[in-house]
C-alpha atoms as a PDB file:
ATOM      1  CA  UNK A   1      18.471 -70.929-140.238  1.00  0.00           C
ATOM      2  CA  UNK A   2      15.758 -73.243-138.872  1.00  0.00           C
ATOM      3  CA  UNK A   3      14.246 -70.330-136.952  1.00  0.00           C
ATOM      4  CA  UNK A   4      14.090 -68.160-140.053  1.00  0.00           C
ATOM      5  CA  UNK A   5      12.306 -70.933-141.988  1.00  0.00           C
ATOM      6  CA  UNK A   6       9.805 -71.362-139.157  1.00  0.00           C
ATOM      7  CA  UNK A   7       9.288 -67.587-138.906  1.00  0.00           C
ATOM      8  CA  UNK A   8       8.757 -67.366-142.677  1.00  0.00           C
ATOM      9  CA  UNK A   9       6.178 -70.177-142.570  1.00  0.00           C
ATOM     10  CA  UNK A  10       4.361 -68.480-139.700  1.00  0.00           C
ATOM     11  CA  UNK A  11       4.302 -65.183-141.635  1.00  0.00           C
ATOM     12  CA  UNK A  12       2.999 -66.976-144.740  1.00  0.00           C
ATOM     13  CA  UNK A  13       0.319 -68.711-142.680  1.00  0.00           C
ATOM     14  CA  UNK A  14      -0.746 -65.414-141.094  1.00  0.00           C
ATOM     15  CA  UNK A  15      -0.851 -63.783-144.535  1.00  0.00           C
ATOM     16  CA  UNK A  16      -3.065 -66.594-145.894  1.00  0.00           C
ATOM     17  CA  UNK A  17      -5.421 -66.141-142.946  1.00  0.00           C
ATOM     18  CA  UNK A  18      -5.611 -62.387-143.598  1.00  0.00           C
ATOM     19  CA  UNK A  19      -6.280 -63.125-147.271  1.00  0.00           C
ATOM     20  CA  UNK A  20      -9.095 -65.569-146.412  1.00  0.00           C
ATOM     21  CA  UNK A  21     -10.713 -63.125-143.980  1.00  0.00           C
ATOM     22  CA  UNK A  22     -10.412 -60.218-146.428  1.00  0.00           C
ATOM     23  CA  UNK A  23     -11.929 -62.299-149.234  1.00  0.00           C
ATOM     24  CA  UNK A  24     -14.807 -63.376-146.977  1.00  0.00           C
ATOM     25  CA  UNK A  25     -15.506 -59.775-145.995  1.00  0.00           C
ATOM     26  CA  UNK A  26     -15.408 -58.592-149.583  1.00  0.00           C
ATOM     27  CA  UNK A  27     -17.696 -61.350-150.816  1.00  0.00           C
ATOM     28  CA  UNK A  28     -20.133 -60.896-147.913  1.00  0.00           C
ATOM     29  CA  UNK A  29     -20.371 -57.138-148.473  1.00  0.00           C
ATOM     30  CA  UNK A  30     -20.913 -57.659-152.206  1.00  0.00           C
ATOM     31  CA  UNK A  31     -23.342 -60.607-152.131  1.00  0.00           C
ATOM     32  CA  UNK A  32     -24.270 -61.385-148.503  1.00  0.00           C
ATOM     33  CA  UNK A  33     -23.118 -64.100-146.133  1.00  0.00           C
ATOM     34  CA  UNK A  34     -25.074 -66.815-147.946  1.00  0.00           C
ATOM     35  CA  UNK A  35     -22.690 -66.355-150.885  1.00  0.00           C
ATOM     36  CA  UNK A  36     -19.646 -66.990-148.712  1.00  0.00           C
ATOM     37  CA  UNK A  37     -18.688 -70.642-149.061  1.00  0.00           C
ATOM     38  CA  UNK A  38     -15.340 -72.318-148.666  1.00  0.00           C
ATOM     39  CA  UNK A  39     -15.471 -73.287-152.335  1.00  0.00           C
ATOM     40  CA  UNK A  40     -15.980 -69.674-153.472  1.00  0.00           C
ATOM     41  CA  UNK A  41     -13.332 -68.402-151.082  1.00  0.00           C
ATOM     42  CA  UNK A  42     -10.854 -71.011-152.298  1.00  0.00           C
ATOM     43  CA  UNK A  43     -11.497 -69.964-155.894  1.00  0.00           C
ATOM     44  CA  UNK A  44     -11.201 -66.285-155.055  1.00  0.00           C
ATOM     45  CA  UNK A  45      -7.888 -66.539-153.222  1.00  0.00           C
ATOM     46  CA  UNK A  46      -6.561 -69.264-155.521  1.00  0.00           C
ATOM     47  CA  UNK A  47      -5.908 -71.849-152.826  1.00  0.00           C
ATOM     48  CA  UNK A  48      -7.525 -75.248-152.412  1.00  0.00           C
ATOM     49  CA  UNK A  49     -10.336 -75.879-149.939  1.00  0.00           C
ATOM     50  CA  UNK A  50      -8.026 -78.063-147.812  1.00  0.00           C
ATOM     51  CA  UNK A  51      -5.750 -75.030-147.409  1.00  0.00           C
ATOM     52  CA  UNK A  52      -8.722 -73.035-146.103  1.00  0.00           C
ATOM     53  CA  UNK A  53      -9.585 -75.859-143.724  1.00  0.00           C
ATOM     54  CA  UNK A  54      -5.993 -75.903-142.481  1.00  0.00           C
ATOM     55  CA  UNK A  55      -6.623 -72.353-141.239  1.00  0.00           C
ATOM     56  CA  UNK A  56     -10.317 -72.390-140.316  1.00  0.00           C
ATOM     57  CA  UNK A  57     -12.671 -75.225-139.431  1.00  0.00           C
ATOM     58  CA  UNK A  58     -15.324 -73.796-141.763  1.00  0.00           C
ATOM     59  CA  UNK A  59     -17.427 -70.796-142.650  1.00  0.00           C
ATOM     60  CA  UNK A  60     -18.463 -70.168-139.031  1.00  0.00           C
ATOM     61  CA  UNK A  61     -14.835 -69.894-137.941  1.00  0.00           C
ATOM     62  CA  UNK A  62     -14.098 -67.536-140.828  1.00  0.00           C
ATOM     63  CA  UNK A  63     -17.116 -65.426-139.859  1.00  0.00           C
ATOM     64  CA  UNK A  64     -15.851 -65.309-136.258  1.00  0.00           C
ATOM     65  CA  UNK A  65     -12.470 -64.044-137.506  1.00  0.00           C
ATOM     66  CA  UNK A  66     -14.264 -61.412-139.583  1.00  0.00           C
ATOM     67  CA  UNK A  67     -16.317 -60.421-136.530  1.00  0.00           C
ATOM     68  CA  UNK A  68     -13.169 -60.007-134.431  1.00  0.00           C
ATOM     69  CA  UNK A  69     -11.722 -57.651-137.026  1.00  0.00           C
ATOM     70  CA  UNK A  70     -14.995 -55.770-136.991  1.00  0.00           C
ATOM     71  CA  UNK A  71     -14.967 -55.342-133.219  1.00  0.00           C
ATOM     72  CA  UNK A  72     -11.450 -53.908-133.378  1.00  0.00           C
ATOM     73  CA  UNK A  73     -12.559 -51.475-136.108  1.00  0.00           C
ATOM     74  CA  UNK A  74     -15.709 -50.542-134.198  1.00  0.00           C
ATOM     75  CA  UNK A  75     -13.702 -49.900-131.021  1.00  0.00           C
ATOM     76  CA  UNK A  76     -11.384 -47.577-132.956  1.00  0.00           C
ATOM     77  CA  UNK A  77     -14.310 -45.680-134.520  1.00  0.00           C
ATOM     78  CA  UNK A  78     -16.072 -45.277-131.174  1.00  0.00           C
ATOM     79  CA  UNK A  79     -12.840 -44.214-129.442  1.00  0.00           C
ATOM     80  CA  UNK A  80     -12.229 -41.542-132.072  1.00  0.00           C
ATOM     81  CA  UNK A  81     -15.789 -40.256-131.724  1.00  0.00           C
ATOM     82  CA  UNK A  82     -15.635 -40.192-127.935  1.00  0.00           C
ATOM     83  CA  UNK A  83     -12.250 -38.508-127.739  1.00  0.00           C
ATOM     84  CA  UNK A  84     -13.054 -35.804-130.282  1.00  0.00           C
ATOM     85  CA  UNK A  85     -16.339 -34.774-128.641  1.00  0.00           C
ATOM     86  CA  UNK A  86     -16.645 -31.345-127.040  1.00  0.00           C
ATOM     87  CA  UNK A  87     -18.133 -32.671-123.806  1.00  0.00           C
ATOM     88  CA  UNK A  88     -19.635 -35.715-122.076  1.00  0.00           C
ATOM     89  CA  UNK A  89     -23.148 -35.436-123.511  1.00  0.00           C
ATOM     90  CA  UNK A  90     -21.754 -34.776-126.962  1.00  0.00           C
ATOM     91  CA  UNK A  91     -19.475 -37.809-126.550  1.00  0.00           C
ATOM     92  CA  UNK A  92     -22.498 -40.035-126.045  1.00  0.00           C
ATOM     93  CA  UNK A  93     -24.191 -38.568-129.121  1.00  0.00           C
ATOM     94  CA  UNK A  94     -21.021 -38.877-131.214  1.00  0.00           C
ATOM     95  CA  UNK A  95     -20.431 -42.458-130.125  1.00  0.00           C
ATOM     96  CA  UNK A  96     -24.019 -43.361-131.005  1.00  0.00           C
ATOM     97  CA  UNK A  97     -23.654 -41.670-134.398  1.00  0.00           C
ATOM     98  CA  UNK A  98     -20.355 -43.474-135.030  1.00  0.00           C
ATOM     99  CA  UNK A  99     -21.976 -46.790-134.091  1.00  0.00           C
ATOM    100  CA  UNK A 100     -24.891 -46.141-136.464  1.00  0.00           C
ATOM    101  CA  UNK A 101     -22.547 -45.092-139.276  1.00  0.00           C
ATOM    102  CA  UNK A 102     -20.430 -48.206-138.779  1.00  0.00           C
ATOM    103  CA  UNK A 103     -23.509 -50.438-139.067  1.00  0.00           C
ATOM    104  CA  UNK A 104     -24.785 -48.589-142.140  1.00  0.00           C
ATOM    105  CA  UNK A 105     -21.454 -48.545-143.977  1.00  0.00           C
ATOM    106  CA  UNK A 106     -20.548 -52.185-143.277  1.00  0.00           C
ATOM    107  CA  UNK A 107     -23.803 -54.151-143.126  1.00  0.00           C
ATOM    108  CA  UNK A 108     -22.319 -57.619-143.724  1.00  0.00           C
ATOM    109  CA  UNK A 109     -19.579 -56.990-141.175  1.00  0.00           C
ATOM    110  CA  UNK A 110     -22.153 -55.740-138.666  1.00  0.00           C
ATOM    111  CA  UNK A 111     -24.218 -58.875-139.290  1.00  0.00           C
ATOM    112  CA  UNK A 112     -21.193 -61.095-138.620  1.00  0.00           C
ATOM    113  CA  UNK A 113     -20.593 -59.226-135.377  1.00  0.00           C
ATOM    114  CA  UNK A 114     -24.128 -58.996-134.042  1.00  0.00           C
ATOM    115  CA  UNK A 115     -26.686 -60.957-136.025  1.00  0.00           C
ATOM    116  CA  UNK A 116     -25.181 -64.265-137.111  1.00  0.00           C
ATOM    117  CA  UNK A 117     -24.257 -66.891-134.585  1.00  0.00           C
ATOM    118  CA  UNK A 118     -20.469 -66.981-134.205  1.00  0.00           C
ATOM    119  CA  UNK A 119     -18.416 -68.978-131.782  1.00  0.00           C
ATOM    120  CA  UNK A 120     -17.198 -66.081-129.667  1.00  0.00           C
ATOM    121  CA  UNK A 121     -17.822 -65.672-125.943  1.00  0.00           C
ATOM    122  CA  UNK A 122     -19.762 -62.474-125.349  1.00  0.00           C
ATOM    123  CA  UNK A 123     -20.409 -60.746-122.022  1.00  0.00           C
ATOM    124  CA  UNK A 124     -17.789 -62.733-120.162  1.00  0.00           C
ATOM    125  CA  UNK A 125     -14.209 -62.311-119.006  1.00  0.00           C
ATOM    126  CA  UNK A 126     -13.195 -64.861-121.668  1.00  0.00           C
ATOM    127  CA  UNK A 127     -14.391 -62.607-124.487  1.00  0.00           C
ATOM    128  CA  UNK A 128     -11.603 -61.567-126.847  1.00  0.00           C
ATOM    129  CA  UNK A 129      -9.945 -58.207-126.220  1.00  0.00           C
ATOM    130  CA  UNK A 130     -11.547 -56.617-129.298  1.00  0.00           C
ATOM    131  CA  UNK A 131     -15.043 -57.307-127.922  1.00  0.00           C
ATOM    132  CA  UNK A 132     -14.111 -55.815-124.562  1.00  0.00           C
ATOM    133  CA  UNK A 133     -12.568 -52.773-126.268  1.00  0.00           C
ATOM    134  CA  UNK A 134     -15.693 -52.020-128.299  1.00  0.00           C
ATOM    135  CA  UNK A 135     -18.031 -52.350-125.323  1.00  0.00           C
ATOM    136  CA  UNK A 136     -15.616 -50.355-123.161  1.00  0.00           C
ATOM    137  CA  UNK A 137     -15.966 -47.401-125.523  1.00  0.00           C
ATOM    138  CA  UNK A 138     -19.751 -47.478-125.050  1.00  0.00           C
ATOM    139  CA  UNK A 139     -19.246 -47.727-121.294  1.00  0.00           C
ATOM    140  CA  UNK A 140     -16.778 -44.810-121.276  1.00  0.00           C
ATOM    141  CA  UNK A 141     -19.168 -42.629-123.254  1.00  0.00           C
ATOM    142  CA  UNK A 142     -21.950 -43.510-120.823  1.00  0.00           C
ATOM    143  CA  UNK A 143     -19.892 -43.042-117.633  1.00  0.00           C
ATOM    144  CA  UNK A 144     -20.250 -39.245-117.243  1.00  0.00           C
ATOM    145  CA  UNK A 145     -24.041 -39.455-117.474  1.00  0.00           C
ATOM    146  CA  UNK A 146     -24.517 -42.611-115.376  1.00  0.00           C
ATOM    147  CA  UNK A 147     -25.571 -42.273-111.778  1.00  0.00           C
ATOM    148  CA  UNK A 148     -25.233 -45.966-110.912  1.00  0.00           C
ATOM    149  CA  UNK A 149     -24.871 -49.427-112.446  1.00  0.00           C
ATOM    150  CA  UNK A 150     -22.793 -48.251-115.387  1.00  0.00           C
ATOM    151  CA  UNK A 151     -22.446 -51.750-116.831  1.00  0.00           C
ATOM    152  CA  UNK A 152     -26.189 -52.379-117.098  1.00  0.00           C
ATOM    153  CA  UNK A 153     -26.854 -48.861-118.351  1.00  0.00           C
ATOM    154  CA  UNK A 154     -24.237 -49.278-121.101  1.00  0.00           C
ATOM    155  CA  UNK A 155     -25.697 -52.671-122.046  1.00  0.00           C
ATOM    156  CA  UNK A 156     -29.175 -51.140-122.247  1.00  0.00           C
ATOM    157  CA  UNK A 157     -27.962 -48.218-124.358  1.00  0.00           C
ATOM    158  CA  UNK A 158     -26.155 -50.626-126.699  1.00  0.00           C
ATOM    159  CA  UNK A 159     -29.318 -52.758-126.909  1.00  0.00           C
ATOM    160  CA  UNK A 160     -31.330 -49.690-127.856  1.00  0.00           C
ATOM    161  CA  UNK A 161     -28.845 -48.704-130.559  1.00  0.00           C
ATOM    162  CA  UNK A 162     -28.692 -52.209-131.955  1.00  0.00           C
ATOM    163  CA  UNK A 163     -32.465 -52.604-131.888  1.00  0.00           C
ATOM    164  CA  UNK A 164     -33.084 -49.332-133.694  1.00  0.00           C
ATOM    165  CA  UNK A 165     -30.513 -50.106-136.376  1.00  0.00           C
ATOM    166  CA  UNK A 166     -31.624 -53.684-136.898  1.00  0.00           C
ATOM    167  CA  UNK A 167     -35.317 -52.829-137.092  1.00  0.00           C
ATOM    168  CA  UNK A 168     -34.657 -49.989-139.517  1.00  0.00           C
ATOM    169  CA  UNK A 169     -32.333 -52.062-141.737  1.00  0.00           C
ATOM    170  CA  UNK A 170     -34.954 -54.790-141.931  1.00  0.00           C
ATOM    171  CA  UNK A 171     -37.690 -52.364-142.960  1.00  0.00           C
ATOM    172  CA  UNK A 172     -39.548 -52.553-139.639  1.00  0.00           C
ATOM    173  CA  UNK A 173     -39.130 -48.847-138.891  1.00  0.00           C
ATOM    174  CA  UNK A 174     -39.482 -45.784-141.094  1.00  0.00           C
ATOM    175  CA  UNK A 175     -35.992 -44.870-142.297  1.00  0.00           C
ATOM    176  CA  UNK A 176     -36.839 -41.170-142.549  1.00  0.00           C
ATOM    177  CA  UNK A 177     -37.323 -41.078-138.755  1.00  0.00           C
ATOM    178  CA  UNK A 178     -33.945 -42.638-137.961  1.00  0.00           C
ATOM    179  CA  UNK A 179     -32.235 -39.426-136.823  1.00  0.00           C
ATOM    180  CA  UNK A 180     -35.177 -38.455-134.612  1.00  0.00           C
ATOM    181  CA  UNK A 181     -35.255 -41.880-132.964  1.00  0.00           C
ATOM    182  CA  UNK A 182     -31.485 -41.802-132.420  1.00  0.00           C
ATOM    183  CA  UNK A 183     -31.692 -38.299-130.883  1.00  0.00           C
ATOM    184  CA  UNK A 184     -34.517 -39.442-128.597  1.00  0.00           C
ATOM    185  CA  UNK A 185     -32.523 -42.462-127.425  1.00  0.00           C
ATOM    186  CA  UNK A 186     -29.485 -40.314-126.679  1.00  0.00           C
ATOM    187  CA  UNK A 187     -31.572 -37.688-124.888  1.00  0.00           C
ATOM    188  CA  UNK A 188     -33.224 -40.340-122.685  1.00  0.00           C
ATOM    189  CA  UNK A 189     -29.877 -41.795-121.688  1.00  0.00           C
ATOM    190  CA  UNK A 190     -28.054 -38.512-121.156  1.00  0.00           C
ATOM    191  CA  UNK A 191     -30.492 -36.790-118.792  1.00  0.00           C
END
């Protein structure tokens, strides 16, 4: 009986955390991350702020949880693109297109993952599995066209993708040239 009570409490706690993260994502996508406050989240999910703080230390921790969800979703999207491609060069193009689509369709989520400072270890063995999975999909797409130093080549390709998307989203590049720039980046990395 005691175990079932403990298991129920753990399930309820996990459900509250999912609710908090989902509410933060929804609010951020609708109004931007500046609109996401613990007060607004508490009102939205109908729990008190102390309940939120019993799950997360603050907005930054909530944003990190959102980012982790995003990395898992990005990894799945990239994996699907890579696996459904007709060949290695097409896999790289499809992965790049899937990455760009992910960023365009989920701008607040993408910002939590790559633009805002979150307390997640990147580029280290201690990085959460979802971060490794997302980068691994880029690395796998790059592997057939890499002649050496796959890790650095994949990091450079990712940097190019991220830079293009970020500059375009912020109005620093002409949006009508996005597809041409993306094709050029892919061509340079796949030859």
